[in-house]
Amino acid sequence: MSSTQKPLKVSFLGLGVMGFPMAGYLVAGGHQVAVFNRDSRKTEQWIKKYSGHGAATIGEAVAEADIVCACVGNDADSMAVSGVAMTAMAEASLYIDHTTTSAMCAKEIAKRGKNKAIGFVDAPISGGEAGAINGQLSIMCGGSDADMKRAEVVMQAYAKRIVHIGPVGQGQLCKAVNQIAIAGVLQGLSEAVHFAKRAGLDMDKVLEAVSGGAAQSWQMDNRAKTMAEGKFDFGFAVDWMRKDLAIALAEAELSGATLPMTALIDQFYKDVQQAGGNRWDTSSLITRLESGSKGVANRG
């Protein structure tokens, strides 16, 4: 926040892996922050770390807020939380939804807000747990120019990049693009690492060589070594990726886009789930290859 900007009253709903540090950055940015989480223990942990205000209900959290941010689970969660919040929010306030949802969900929430003169921006995030902890998230947004201008003042506290894609819903469609690309890269990287191990190559030297060329990616830089070591205890779980890919595939059906690789990789993630990897990081795709065609390699 610049020295000329007035501190805002901001509410943050949802203190999960992403929301917990994001709300903390709002406090660090000088805003007056009230938080709500369904599990009050998480709220207590957040207050102890960041010294903001913990609310007992959504209504209490948002009643005096200039801007309300939410980061919850899925379409149903977003609809439920926004419904309660917008009932208690003041006119001319703004609702920012960082949850990854369908574009239709975003449009429904925006319509709900419009009936009470509440602005809305759909603002799904990318960067994973590390991006949230380091305040380096990429945010893709849908909404009006006026609402975006207001939202950026808040989002800059935890983002390294904020892009206004277009009208409400287009932020969510852009997030689908993001997840489609990540799924493809991770499957390719899984096969590459698996091949290198089976060929008996020195993995450190292989990664040093290929990461300096056209094969380089964020996933390679941050996940290839841990994939090779069978470590998958990171922030973005397989369950959430499958939720996101389901949204992408449904949107593709509506638009007539063809996503054969995405549909196949979604089924690969289903195999990981069935083998017990629901909460593993998305890089656990490699476990299918390490154990044969299905299942999970022995991580012990």
Protein backbone atom coordinates (compact mmCIF):
# COMPACT_ATOMS: atom_id res chain seq x y z
CA MET A 1 0.00 0.00 0.00
CA SER A 2 1.36 3.42 -0.93
CA SER A 3 1.66 6.17 1.68
CA THR A 4 -1.21 8.04 0.03
CA GLN A 5 -3.68 5.15 0.19
CA LYS A 6 -6.14 4.89 3.06
CA PRO A 7 -6.12 1.57 4.96
CA LEU A 8 -9.15 -0.50 4.07
CA LYS A 9 -11.37 -2.68 6.19
CA VAL A 10 -10.91 -6.10 4.60
CA SER A 11 -12.54 -9.40 5.46
CA PHE A 12 -10.97 -12.73 4.45
CA LEU A 13 -13.13 -15.85 4.39
CA GLY A 14 -11.32 -19.18 4.33
CA LEU A 15 -7.97 -19.81 6.03
CA GLY A 16 -6.79 -22.88 4.17
CA VAL A 17 -3.34 -23.52 2.73
CA MET A 18 -3.65 -20.47 0.49
CA GLY A 19 -5.93 -18.16 2.44
CA PHE A 20 -4.02 -18.31 5.72
CA PRO A 21 -0.86 -16.53 4.45
CA MET A 22 -2.80 -14.34 2.00
CA ALA A 23 -4.82 -12.84 4.84
CA GLY A 24 -1.58 -12.33 6.75
CA TYR A 25 -0.16 -10.25 3.93
CA LEU A 26 -3.20 -7.98 4.14
CA VAL A 27 -2.30 -7.22 7.76
CA ALA A 28 1.32 -6.59 6.74
CA GLY A 29 -0.01 -4.26 4.04
CA GLY A 30 -1.62 -2.03 6.64
CA HIS A 31 -5.26 -3.04 6.19
CA GLN A 32 -7.70 -3.67 9.04
CA VAL A 33 -8.39 -7.36 8.64
CA ALA A 34 -11.16 -9.57 9.99
CA VAL A 35 -11.07 -13.29 9.20
CA PHE A 36 -13.49 -16.20 9.33
CA ASN A 37 -12.87 -19.92 8.99
CA ARG A 38 -15.29 -22.79 9.57
CA ASP A 39 -12.78 -24.44 11.89
CA SER A 40 -12.28 -21.86 14.63
CA ARG A 41 -8.98 -23.45 15.61
CA LYS A 42 -7.48 -22.23 12.36
CA THR A 43 -8.81 -18.74 13.11
CA GLU A 44 -7.12 -18.84 16.51
CA GLN A 45 -3.83 -19.91 14.92
CA TRP A 46 -4.08 -17.07 12.43
CA ILE A 47 -4.79 -14.44 15.13
CA LYS A 48 -1.83 -15.69 17.15
CA LYS A 49 0.46 -15.27 14.16
CA TYR A 50 -0.88 -12.08 12.56
CA SER A 51 -2.86 -10.25 15.28
CA GLY A 52 -5.91 -9.49 13.15
CA HIS A 53 -9.54 -9.87 14.23
CA GLY A 54 -11.18 -13.28 14.27
CA ALA A 55 -14.93 -13.32 13.65
CA ALA A 56 -17.32 -15.95 14.99
CA THR A 57 -19.56 -15.77 11.91
CA ILE A 58 -19.33 -14.71 8.28
CA GLY A 59 -21.81 -11.94 8.96
CA GLU A 60 -19.66 -10.52 11.74
CA ALA A 61 -16.55 -10.71 9.58
CA VAL A 62 -18.00 -8.80 6.62
CA ALA A 63 -20.45 -6.34 8.23
CA GLU A 64 -18.10 -3.35 8.17
CA ALA A 65 -15.79 -4.44 5.35
CA ASP A 66 -14.95 -2.29 2.35
CA ILE A 67 -13.73 -5.40 0.56
CA VAL A 68 -14.37 -9.08 1.21
CA CYS A 69 -12.01 -11.78 -0.09
CA ALA A 70 -12.89 -15.46 -0.15
CA CYS A 71 -10.79 -18.53 -0.83
CA VAL A 72 -12.81 -21.67 -0.21
CA GLY A 73 -13.26 -25.06 -1.90
CA ASN A 74 -15.53 -25.35 -4.92
CA ASP A 75 -18.63 -23.99 -6.64
CA ALA A 76 -20.97 -25.10 -3.87
CA ASP A 77 -18.75 -23.57 -1.20
CA SER A 78 -18.41 -20.31 -3.11
CA MET A 79 -22.15 -20.02 -3.64
CA ALA A 80 -22.90 -20.76 0.01
CA VAL A 81 -20.27 -18.44 1.48
CA SER A 82 -21.01 -15.56 -0.90
CA GLY A 83 -24.73 -15.91 -0.21
CA VAL A 84 -24.26 -15.45 3.51
CA ALA A 85 -21.63 -12.74 3.07
CA MET A 86 -23.56 -10.62 0.61
CA THR A 87 -26.58 -10.61 2.87
CA ALA A 88 -24.49 -8.84 5.52
CA MET A 89 -22.20 -6.74 3.31
CA ALA A 90 -22.76 -3.01 2.88
CA GLU A 91 -23.86 -1.49 -0.40
CA ALA A 92 -21.00 -0.37 -2.66
CA SER A 93 -18.60 -2.85 -1.05
CA LEU A 94 -16.63 -5.34 -3.16
CA TYR A 95 -16.44 -9.14 -3.14
CA ILE A 96 -13.31 -10.85 -4.51
CA ASP A 97 -13.48 -14.62 -4.98
CA HIS A 98 -10.07 -16.32 -5.12
CA THR A 99 -11.67 -19.77 -5.24
CA THR A 100 -11.26 -21.73 -8.48
CA THR A 101 -14.82 -22.23 -9.71
CA SER A 102 -16.73 -22.52 -12.95
CA ALA A 103 -17.33 -19.36 -14.94
CA MET A 104 -21.06 -19.89 -14.44
CA CYS A 105 -20.62 -19.84 -10.67
CA ALA A 106 -18.72 -16.55 -10.92
CA LYS A 107 -21.48 -15.01 -13.01
CA GLU A 108 -24.14 -16.14 -10.54
CA ILE A 109 -22.28 -14.58 -7.62
CA ALA A 110 -21.79 -11.36 -9.59
CA LYS A 111 -25.52 -11.25 -10.35
CA ARG A 112 -26.28 -11.78 -6.67
CA GLY A 113 -24.01 -8.88 -5.75
CA LYS A 114 -25.42 -6.57 -8.39
CA ASN A 115 -28.83 -6.80 -6.79
CA LYS A 116 -27.34 -5.11 -3.73
CA ALA A 117 -24.87 -2.80 -5.50
CA ILE A 118 -21.94 -4.99 -4.42
CA GLY A 119 -19.08 -5.22 -6.89
CA PHE A 120 -17.53 -8.55 -7.82
CA VAL A 121 -14.24 -9.84 -9.21
CA ASP A 122 -13.49 -13.50 -9.88
CA ALA A 123 -9.79 -13.82 -9.15
CA PRO A 124 -8.49 -17.40 -9.12
CA ILE A 125 -4.85 -17.74 -8.10
CA SER A 126 -1.81 -19.68 -9.24
CA GLY A 127 1.51 -20.24 -7.54
CA GLY A 128 0.71 -22.92 -5.02
CA GLU A 129 1.40 -22.92 -1.31
CA ALA A 130 4.88 -21.47 -1.83
CA GLY A 131 3.45 -18.58 -3.85
CA ALA A 132 0.95 -17.80 -1.11
CA ILE A 133 3.55 -18.01 1.67
CA ASN A 134 5.97 -15.77 -0.24
CA GLY A 135 3.31 -13.30 -1.42
CA GLN A 136 4.16 -14.12 -5.03
CA LEU A 137 0.87 -15.32 -6.49
CA SER A 138 -0.31 -14.82 -10.05
CA ILE A 139 -3.94 -13.71 -10.19
CA MET A 140 -6.18 -13.86 -13.26
CA CYS A 141 -9.26 -11.70 -12.96
CA GLY A 142 -12.71 -11.17 -14.38
CA GLY A 143 -14.77 -8.08 -13.65
CA SER A 144 -15.43 -4.48 -14.60
CA ASP A 145 -12.62 -1.94 -14.90
CA ALA A 146 -13.94 -0.05 -11.87
CA ASP A 147 -14.12 -3.16 -9.67
CA MET A 148 -10.66 -4.27 -10.80
CA LYS A 149 -9.15 -0.94 -9.83
CA ARG A 150 -10.50 -1.35 -6.31
CA ALA A 151 -9.53 -5.01 -6.09
CA GLU A 152 -5.92 -4.43 -7.11
CA VAL A 153 -5.29 -2.25 -4.06
CA VAL A 154 -5.93 -5.32 -1.90
CA MET A 155 -4.54 -8.07 -4.13
CA GLN A 156 -1.17 -6.41 -4.59
CA ALA A 157 -0.42 -7.36 -0.97
CA TYR A 158 0.05 -11.03 -1.93
CA ALA A 159 0.56 -11.03 -5.70
CA LYS A 160 3.51 -10.70 -8.03
CA ARG A 161 1.27 -10.51 -11.09
CA ILE A 162 -2.33 -9.39 -11.54
CA VAL A 163 -3.92 -9.60 -14.99
CA HIS A 164 -7.40 -8.38 -15.85
CA ILE A 165 -8.54 -10.92 -18.45
CA GLY A 166 -11.98 -9.46 -19.18
CA PRO A 167 -15.58 -9.52 -17.86
CA VAL A 168 -16.80 -11.62 -14.93
CA GLY A 169 -16.10 -15.31 -15.51
CA GLN A 170 -13.05 -14.85 -17.70
CA GLY A 171 -10.69 -15.06 -14.76
CA GLN A 172 -12.03 -18.55 -14.10
CA LEU A 173 -11.71 -19.52 -17.75
CA CYS A 174 -8.09 -18.36 -17.68
CA LYS A 175 -7.49 -20.52 -14.59
CA ALA A 176 -8.76 -23.49 -16.61
CA VAL A 177 -6.11 -22.67 -19.22
CA ASN A 178 -3.52 -22.63 -16.44
CA GLN A 179 -4.52 -26.05 -15.10
CA ILE A 180 -4.68 -27.62 -18.56
CA ALA A 181 -1.11 -26.48 -19.21
CA ILE A 182 0.16 -27.66 -15.81
CA ALA A 183 -1.37 -31.11 -16.21
CA GLY A 184 0.35 -31.60 -19.57
CA VAL A 185 3.71 -30.41 -18.29
CA LEU A 186 3.54 -32.68 -15.24
CA GLN A 187 2.72 -35.76 -17.28
CA GLY A 188 5.61 -35.04 -19.63
CA LEU A 189 7.95 -34.40 -16.71
CA SER A 190 6.78 -37.60 -14.99
CA GLU A 191 7.66 -39.63 -18.08
CA ALA A 192 10.99 -37.86 -18.49
CA VAL A 193 12.07 -38.46 -14.88
CA HIS A 194 10.84 -42.06 -15.02
CA PHE A 195 12.78 -42.66 -18.24
CA ALA A 196 15.98 -41.17 -16.79
CA LYS A 197 15.77 -43.35 -13.69
CA ARG A 198 15.15 -46.52 -15.69
CA ALA A 199 18.07 -45.65 -17.96
CA GLY A 200 20.34 -45.42 -14.94
CA LEU A 201 21.27 -41.78 -15.49
CA ASP A 202 22.58 -39.44 -12.81
CA MET A 203 19.43 -37.43 -12.10
CA ASP A 204 21.23 -34.35 -10.81
CA LYS A 205 23.31 -34.16 -13.99
CA VAL A 206 20.30 -34.82 -16.19
CA LEU A 207 18.33 -32.01 -14.57
CA GLU A 208 21.31 -29.67 -14.77
CA ALA A 209 21.53 -30.36 -18.49
CA VAL A 210 17.89 -30.24 -19.56
CA SER A 211 16.79 -27.40 -17.28
CA GLY A 212 19.11 -25.08 -19.17
CA GLY A 213 17.32 -25.64 -22.46
CA ALA A 214 13.88 -25.70 -24.03
CA ALA A 215 12.57 -28.31 -21.57
CA GLN A 216 12.88 -25.94 -18.61
CA SER A 217 9.70 -25.14 -16.66
CA TRP A 218 8.60 -24.12 -13.17
CA GLN A 219 7.55 -27.70 -12.56
CA MET A 220 10.99 -28.98 -13.55
CA ASP A 221 12.79 -26.44 -11.39
CA ASN A 222 10.62 -27.07 -8.33
CA ARG A 223 9.33 -30.64 -8.60
CA ALA A 224 11.60 -32.85 -10.77
CA LYS A 225 14.08 -33.70 -8.02
CA THR A 226 11.39 -34.42 -5.44
CA MET A 227 9.49 -36.51 -8.00
CA ALA A 228 12.61 -38.60 -8.50
CA GLU A 229 12.89 -39.01 -4.72
CA GLY A 230 9.23 -39.95 -4.27
CA LYS A 231 8.38 -36.90 -2.17
CA PHE A 232 4.93 -35.37 -2.66
CA ASP A 233 4.17 -33.48 0.54
CA PHE A 234 3.47 -30.08 -0.99
CA GLY A 235 0.52 -27.74 -1.08
CA PHE A 236 -1.67 -28.45 -4.12
CA ALA A 237 -3.37 -31.81 -3.75
CA VAL A 238 -4.50 -34.25 -6.40
CA ASP A 239 -8.10 -33.88 -5.19
CA TRP A 240 -8.00 -30.16 -5.99
CA MET A 241 -6.42 -30.72 -9.39
CA ARG A 242 -9.16 -33.16 -10.31
CA LYS A 243 -11.74 -30.60 -9.25
CA ASP A 244 -10.08 -28.01 -11.46
CA LEU A 245 -9.72 -30.36 -14.43
CA ALA A 246 -13.41 -31.27 -14.14
CA ILE A 247 -14.20 -27.57 -14.49
CA ALA A 248 -11.89 -27.28 -17.51
CA LEU A 249 -13.41 -30.31 -19.22
CA ALA A 250 -16.95 -29.06 -18.58
CA GLU A 251 -16.11 -25.63 -19.98
CA ALA A 252 -14.52 -27.31 -23.02
CA GLU A 253 -17.74 -29.21 -23.60
CA LEU A 254 -19.66 -25.93 -23.60
CA SER A 255 -17.27 -24.14 -25.97
CA GLY A 256 -16.58 -27.06 -28.29
CA ALA A 257 -12.87 -27.23 -27.40
CA THR A 258 -11.16 -30.62 -27.69
CA LEU A 259 -8.96 -31.65 -24.76
CA PRO A 260 -7.92 -35.29 -25.29
CA MET A 261 -4.69 -35.11 -23.28
CA THR A 262 -6.36 -33.29 -20.39
CA ALA A 263 -9.11 -35.92 -20.24
CA LEU A 264 -6.51 -38.69 -20.21
CA ILE A 265 -4.39 -37.09 -17.49
CA ASP A 266 -7.51 -36.52 -15.41
CA GLN A 267 -7.99 -40.29 -15.46
CA PHE A 268 -4.33 -40.77 -14.49
CA TYR A 269 -4.99 -38.59 -11.45
CA LYS A 270 -8.01 -40.77 -10.68
CA ASP A 271 -5.63 -43.74 -10.55
CA VAL A 272 -3.47 -41.86 -8.03
CA GLN A 273 -6.54 -41.13 -5.91
CA GLN A 274 -7.62 -44.76 -5.97
CA ALA A 275 -4.15 -45.75 -4.77
CA GLY A 276 -4.44 -43.42 -1.77
CA GLY A 277 -2.74 -40.31 -3.12
CA ASN A 278 -5.66 -37.90 -2.74
CA ARG A 279 -3.71 -35.37 -0.67
CA TRP A 280 -0.38 -35.74 -2.44
CA ASP A 281 0.98 -32.94 -4.57
CA THR A 282 0.07 -33.02 -8.27
CA SER A 283 3.62 -34.12 -9.14
CA SER A 284 2.64 -37.56 -7.80
CA LEU A 285 1.56 -38.44 -11.36
CA ILE A 286 4.91 -40.19 -11.59
CA THR A 287 3.79 -42.84 -9.09
CA ARG A 288 1.68 -44.53 -11.80
CA LEU A 289 4.82 -45.07 -13.84
CA GLU A 290 7.05 -46.06 -10.96
CA SER A 291 4.69 -48.83 -9.88
CA GLY A 292 3.61 -50.05 -13.31
CA SER A 293 0.53 -48.69 -15.06
CA LYS A 294 -1.50 -47.94 -11.94
CA GLY A 295 -1.05 -47.51 -8.23
CA VAL A 296 1.57 -45.80 -6.14
CA ALA A 297 5.19 -46.59 -5.59
CA ASN A 298 6.37 -47.53 -2.11
CA ARG A 299 7.33 -44.24 -0.49
CA GLY A 300 8.74 -45.85 2.63
